[in-house]
Amino acid sequence: MGFEEFVAERLDGLLRYATVLTNDPHLAQDIVQDVLLRAQQRWDGIAAPPTYVRRMVTNEYLSWRRRAVRRMVPSSHDVLDALGPPAADPSAAYDERDAMLGLLATLPRKQRAAIVLRYYENYSDAEIAAVLRCGTSTVRSQISRALTTLRAAPRTDVLTGDHG
């Protein structure tokens, strides 16, 4: 697969992934653009482009978090929906998505990356380990800790289903 074909097929998914990681659509676009420019320069030497580019996006996100501490502003529905077609989504699902993005933003960066790769990108432990460059036991530990933190977070009526 050529670089242009890869970008045509994967750009929307990479932007959604980066937006969920950063919680900032503008930063997500910057990260994906920088990563794709670097990937294009060495495209012929990349053996598994989807995994490699996803790892590059993840590493760029983790590096950005180390370089600068910024206040993260939640993304609007319009911005997230513009990055790709939304699934059939009743209004309560938007509230649930906002609540979940807010909870994800509270996680440490590696836990957040592991959770996003598992539950938003459907990666296996081995695939997550390849992206994060760690062992599968570390992946399971990060996900377990993240889920414990998320479960302990104060519940809203949206997350508990109590709308009355």
C-alpha atoms as a PDB file:
ATOM      1  CA  MET A   1       0.000   0.000   0.000  1.00  0.00           C
ATOM      2  CA  GLY A   2       1.352   3.398  -0.980  1.00  0.00           C
ATOM      3  CA  PHE A   3       1.531   6.387   1.340  1.00  0.00           C
ATOM      4  CA  GLU A   4      -1.296   8.305  -0.365  1.00  0.00           C
ATOM      5  CA  GLU A   5      -3.585   5.262  -0.213  1.00  0.00           C
ATOM      6  CA  PHE A   6      -2.730   4.729   3.460  1.00  0.00           C
ATOM      7  CA  VAL A   7      -3.569   8.352   4.281  1.00  0.00           C
ATOM      8  CA  ALA A   8      -6.830   8.182   2.305  1.00  0.00           C
ATOM      9  CA  GLU A   9      -7.901   5.046   4.215  1.00  0.00           C
ATOM     10  CA  ARG A  10      -6.602   5.866   7.689  1.00  0.00           C
ATOM     11  CA  LEU A  11      -6.616   9.651   8.186  1.00  0.00           C
ATOM     12  CA  ASP A  12     -10.089   9.866   9.773  1.00  0.00           C
ATOM     13  CA  GLY A  13      -9.268   7.069  12.220  1.00  0.00           C
ATOM     14  CA  LEU A  14      -5.902   8.594  13.122  1.00  0.00           C
ATOM     15  CA  LEU A  15      -7.529  11.977  13.749  1.00  0.00           C
ATOM     16  CA  ARG A  16     -10.256  10.424  15.931  1.00  0.00           C
ATOM     17  CA  TYR A  17      -7.641   8.453  17.875  1.00  0.00           C
ATOM     18  CA  ALA A  18      -5.443  11.527  18.406  1.00  0.00           C
ATOM     19  CA  THR A  19      -8.464  13.635  19.392  1.00  0.00           C
ATOM     20  CA  VAL A  20      -9.509  11.142  22.051  1.00  0.00           C
ATOM     21  CA  LEU A  21      -5.933  11.005  23.366  1.00  0.00           C
ATOM     22  CA  THR A  22      -5.368  14.768  23.437  1.00  0.00           C
ATOM     23  CA  ASN A  23      -8.920  15.945  24.048  1.00  0.00           C
ATOM     24  CA  ASP A  24      -7.969  18.819  21.733  1.00  0.00           C
ATOM     25  CA  PRO A  25      -8.863  18.530  18.026  1.00  0.00           C
ATOM     26  CA  HIS A  26      -6.375  21.196  16.962  1.00  0.00           C
ATOM     27  CA  LEU A  27      -3.500  19.515  18.772  1.00  0.00           C
ATOM     28  CA  ALA A  28      -4.663  16.162  17.362  1.00  0.00           C
ATOM     29  CA  GLN A  29      -4.465  17.565  13.829  1.00  0.00           C
ATOM     30  CA  ASP A  30      -0.980  18.938  14.517  1.00  0.00           C
ATOM     31  CA  ILE A  31       0.210  15.607  15.917  1.00  0.00           C
ATOM     32  CA  VAL A  32      -1.196  13.575  13.019  1.00  0.00           C
ATOM     33  CA  GLN A  33       0.199  16.016  10.445  1.00  0.00           C
ATOM     34  CA  ASP A  34       3.684  15.916  12.006  1.00  0.00           C
ATOM     35  CA  VAL A  35       3.600  12.126  12.244  1.00  0.00           C
ATOM     36  CA  LEU A  36       2.448  11.658   8.654  1.00  0.00           C
ATOM     37  CA  LEU A  37       5.168  13.988   7.365  1.00  0.00           C
ATOM     38  CA  ARG A  38       7.817  11.976   9.202  1.00  0.00           C
ATOM     39  CA  ALA A  39       6.279   8.662   8.112  1.00  0.00           C
ATOM     40  CA  GLN A  40       6.225   9.749   4.461  1.00  0.00           C
ATOM     41  CA  GLN A  41       9.975  10.384   4.536  1.00  0.00           C
ATOM     42  CA  ARG A  42      10.692   6.777   5.538  1.00  0.00           C
ATOM     43  CA  TRP A  43       7.621   5.081   4.038  1.00  0.00           C
ATOM     44  CA  ASP A  44       9.517   2.451   2.048  1.00  0.00           C
ATOM     45  CA  GLY A  45      11.230   1.188   5.233  1.00  0.00           C
ATOM     46  CA  ILE A  46       8.043   0.779   7.304  1.00  0.00           C
ATOM     47  CA  ALA A  47       7.064  -2.888   7.557  1.00  0.00           C
ATOM     48  CA  ALA A  48       3.644  -2.588   9.233  1.00  0.00           C
ATOM     49  CA  PRO A  49       2.373   0.947   8.515  1.00  0.00           C
ATOM     50  CA  PRO A  50      -0.887   0.886  10.565  1.00  0.00           C
ATOM     51  CA  THR A  51       0.847  -0.205  13.778  1.00  0.00           C
ATOM     52  CA  TYR A  52       3.938   1.894  13.156  1.00  0.00           C
ATOM     53  CA  VAL A  53       2.025   5.107  12.451  1.00  0.00           C
ATOM     54  CA  ARG A  54      -0.316   4.522  15.416  1.00  0.00           C
ATOM     55  CA  ARG A  55       2.785   4.085  17.607  1.00  0.00           C
ATOM     56  CA  MET A  56       4.193   7.326  16.204  1.00  0.00           C
ATOM     57  CA  VAL A  57       0.949   9.163  17.062  1.00  0.00           C
ATOM     58  CA  THR A  58       0.995   7.681  20.560  1.00  0.00           C
ATOM     59  CA  ASN A  59       4.650   8.597  21.100  1.00  0.00           C
ATOM     60  CA  GLU A  60       4.075  12.125  19.840  1.00  0.00           C
ATOM     61  CA  TYR A  61       1.139  12.489  22.265  1.00  0.00           C
ATOM     62  CA  LEU A  62       3.239  11.153  25.159  1.00  0.00           C
ATOM     63  CA  SER A  63       6.138  13.452  24.206  1.00  0.00           C
ATOM     64  CA  TRP A  64       3.856  16.466  23.979  1.00  0.00           C
ATOM     65  CA  ARG A  65       2.500  15.705  27.449  1.00  0.00           C
ATOM     66  CA  ARG A  66       6.054  15.618  28.815  1.00  0.00           C
ATOM     67  CA  ARG A  67       7.103  18.856  27.062  1.00  0.00           C
ATOM     68  CA  ALA A  68       4.255  21.095  28.114  1.00  0.00           C
ATOM     69  CA  VAL A  69       1.489  21.015  30.635  1.00  0.00           C
ATOM     70  CA  ARG A  70      -1.570  22.536  29.047  1.00  0.00           C
ATOM     71  CA  ARG A  71      -5.139  22.925  30.164  1.00  0.00           C
ATOM     72  CA  MET A  72      -7.221  20.521  28.154  1.00  0.00           C
ATOM     73  CA  VAL A  73     -10.509  21.808  26.806  1.00  0.00           C
ATOM     74  CA  PRO A  74     -13.204  19.214  26.089  1.00  0.00           C
ATOM     75  CA  SER A  75     -13.959  18.759  22.419  1.00  0.00           C
ATOM     76  CA  SER A  76     -17.366  19.760  21.145  1.00  0.00           C
ATOM     77  CA  HIS A  77     -19.680  17.270  19.462  1.00  0.00           C
ATOM     78  CA  ASP A  78     -19.387  19.176  16.181  1.00  0.00           C
ATOM     79  CA  VAL A  79     -15.593  18.898  16.166  1.00  0.00           C
ATOM     80  CA  LEU A  80     -15.570  15.165  16.911  1.00  0.00           C
ATOM     81  CA  ASP A  81     -18.353  14.471  14.404  1.00  0.00           C
ATOM     82  CA  ALA A  82     -16.546  16.439  11.682  1.00  0.00           C
ATOM     83  CA  LEU A  83     -13.596  14.027  11.990  1.00  0.00           C
ATOM     84  CA  GLY A  84     -15.690  11.103  10.833  1.00  0.00           C
ATOM     85  CA  PRO A  85     -19.241   9.974  10.458  1.00  0.00           C
ATOM     86  CA  PRO A  86     -20.866   9.378  13.851  1.00  0.00           C
ATOM     87  CA  ALA A  87     -22.743   6.202  14.594  1.00  0.00           C
ATOM     88  CA  ALA A  88     -26.479   6.459  15.118  1.00  0.00           C
ATOM     89  CA  ASP A  89     -26.389   8.277  18.400  1.00  0.00           C
ATOM     90  CA  PRO A  90     -29.348   9.349  20.560  1.00  0.00           C
ATOM     91  CA  SER A  91     -28.763  12.469  22.653  1.00  0.00           C
ATOM     92  CA  ALA A  92     -28.024  10.481  25.828  1.00  0.00           C
ATOM     93  CA  ALA A  93     -25.081   8.859  24.063  1.00  0.00           C
ATOM     94  CA  TYR A  94     -23.530  12.320  23.542  1.00  0.00           C
ATOM     95  CA  ASP A  95     -23.772  12.955  27.261  1.00  0.00           C
ATOM     96  CA  GLU A  96     -22.202   9.564  27.968  1.00  0.00           C
ATOM     97  CA  ARG A  97     -19.407  10.274  25.494  1.00  0.00           C
ATOM     98  CA  ASP A  98     -18.687  13.658  27.095  1.00  0.00           C
ATOM     99  CA  ALA A  99     -18.684  12.096  30.559  1.00  0.00           C
ATOM    100  CA  MET A 100     -16.325   9.327  29.414  1.00  0.00           C
ATOM    101  CA  LEU A 101     -13.951  11.755  27.671  1.00  0.00           C
ATOM    102  CA  GLY A 102     -13.876  13.808  30.858  1.00  0.00           C
ATOM    103  CA  LEU A 103     -13.043  10.722  32.901  1.00  0.00           C
ATOM    104  CA  LEU A 104     -10.367   9.622  30.423  1.00  0.00           C
ATOM    105  CA  ALA A 105      -8.755  13.052  30.712  1.00  0.00           C
ATOM    106  CA  THR A 106      -8.149  12.391  34.419  1.00  0.00           C
ATOM    107  CA  LEU A 107      -6.045   9.278  33.790  1.00  0.00           C
ATOM    108  CA  PRO A 108      -2.233   9.285  33.672  1.00  0.00           C
ATOM    109  CA  ARG A 109      -1.078   9.423  30.037  1.00  0.00           C
ATOM    110  CA  LYS A 110       0.075   5.807  29.651  1.00  0.00           C
ATOM    111  CA  GLN A 111      -3.097   4.450  31.249  1.00  0.00           C
ATOM    112  CA  ARG A 112      -5.133   6.694  28.995  1.00  0.00           C
ATOM    113  CA  ALA A 113      -3.270   5.536  25.895  1.00  0.00           C
ATOM    114  CA  ALA A 114      -3.744   1.877  26.866  1.00  0.00           C
ATOM    115  CA  ILE A 115      -7.482   2.356  27.489  1.00  0.00           C
ATOM    116  CA  VAL A 116      -7.986   4.253  24.233  1.00  0.00           C
ATOM    117  CA  LEU A 117      -6.101   1.621  22.251  1.00  0.00           C
ATOM    118  CA  ARG A 118      -8.105  -1.190  23.871  1.00  0.00           C
ATOM    119  CA  TYR A 119     -11.619   0.208  23.924  1.00  0.00           C
ATOM    120  CA  TYR A 120     -11.622   2.791  21.131  1.00  0.00           C
ATOM    121  CA  GLU A 121      -9.278   1.068  18.686  1.00  0.00           C
ATOM    122  CA  ASN A 122      -9.959  -2.597  19.672  1.00  0.00           C
ATOM    123  CA  TYR A 123      -6.259  -3.454  19.946  1.00  0.00           C
ATOM    124  CA  SER A 124      -5.134  -6.676  21.617  1.00  0.00           C
ATOM    125  CA  ASP A 125      -2.682  -6.686  24.544  1.00  0.00           C
ATOM    126  CA  ALA A 126       0.134  -7.581  22.148  1.00  0.00           C
ATOM    127  CA  GLU A 127      -0.759  -4.759  19.745  1.00  0.00           C
ATOM    128  CA  ILE A 128      -0.975  -2.259  22.614  1.00  0.00           C
ATOM    129  CA  ALA A 129       2.372  -3.476  23.938  1.00  0.00           C
ATOM    130  CA  ALA A 130       3.889  -2.912  20.485  1.00  0.00           C
ATOM    131  CA  VAL A 131       2.533   0.654  20.327  1.00  0.00           C
ATOM    132  CA  LEU A 132       3.529   1.540  23.899  1.00  0.00           C
ATOM    133  CA  ARG A 133       6.791  -0.438  23.690  1.00  0.00           C
ATOM    134  CA  CYS A 134       6.244  -2.420  26.856  1.00  0.00           C
ATOM    135  CA  GLY A 135       5.333  -5.945  27.874  1.00  0.00           C
ATOM    136  CA  THR A 136       1.824  -7.360  27.699  1.00  0.00           C
ATOM    137  CA  SER A 137       1.782  -7.700  31.490  1.00  0.00           C
ATOM    138  CA  THR A 138       2.451  -3.960  31.740  1.00  0.00           C
ATOM    139  CA  VAL A 139      -0.439  -3.339  29.344  1.00  0.00           C
ATOM    140  CA  ARG A 140      -2.784  -5.443  31.479  1.00  0.00           C
ATOM    141  CA  SER A 141      -1.580  -3.623  34.598  1.00  0.00           C
ATOM    142  CA  GLN A 142      -2.101  -0.183  33.029  1.00  0.00           C
ATOM    143  CA  ILE A 143      -5.594  -1.119  31.852  1.00  0.00           C
ATOM    144  CA  SER A 144      -6.485  -2.638  35.223  1.00  0.00           C
ATOM    145  CA  ARG A 145      -5.349   0.474  37.092  1.00  0.00           C
ATOM    146  CA  ALA A 146      -7.173   2.735  34.660  1.00  0.00           C
ATOM    147  CA  LEU A 147     -10.402   0.766  34.979  1.00  0.00           C
ATOM    148  CA  THR A 148     -10.120   0.836  38.774  1.00  0.00           C
ATOM    149  CA  THR A 149      -9.717   4.621  38.640  1.00  0.00           C
ATOM    150  CA  LEU A 150     -12.629   5.010  36.229  1.00  0.00           C
ATOM    151  CA  ARG A 151     -14.897   2.795  38.325  1.00  0.00           C
ATOM    152  CA  ALA A 152     -14.036   4.760  41.472  1.00  0.00           C
ATOM    153  CA  ALA A 153     -14.841   8.103  39.819  1.00  0.00           C
ATOM    154  CA  PRO A 154     -17.990   9.845  41.026  1.00  0.00           C
ATOM    155  CA  ARG A 155     -20.923   8.657  38.949  1.00  0.00           C
ATOM    156  CA  THR A 156     -23.310  10.928  37.119  1.00  0.00           C
ATOM    157  CA  ASP A 157     -26.843   9.993  36.181  1.00  0.00           C
ATOM    158  CA  VAL A 158     -25.622   9.566  32.591  1.00  0.00           C
ATOM    159  CA  LEU A 159     -23.138   6.848  33.495  1.00  0.00           C
ATOM    160  CA  THR A 160     -25.418   5.037  35.913  1.00  0.00           C
ATOM    161  CA  GLY A 161     -28.458   5.164  33.691  1.00  0.00           C
ATOM    162  CA  ASP A 162     -30.521   6.906  36.430  1.00  0.00           C
ATOM    163  CA  HIS A 163     -32.359   9.556  34.433  1.00  0.00           C
ATOM    164  CA  GLY A 164     -35.238  10.135  36.785  1.00  0.00           C
END
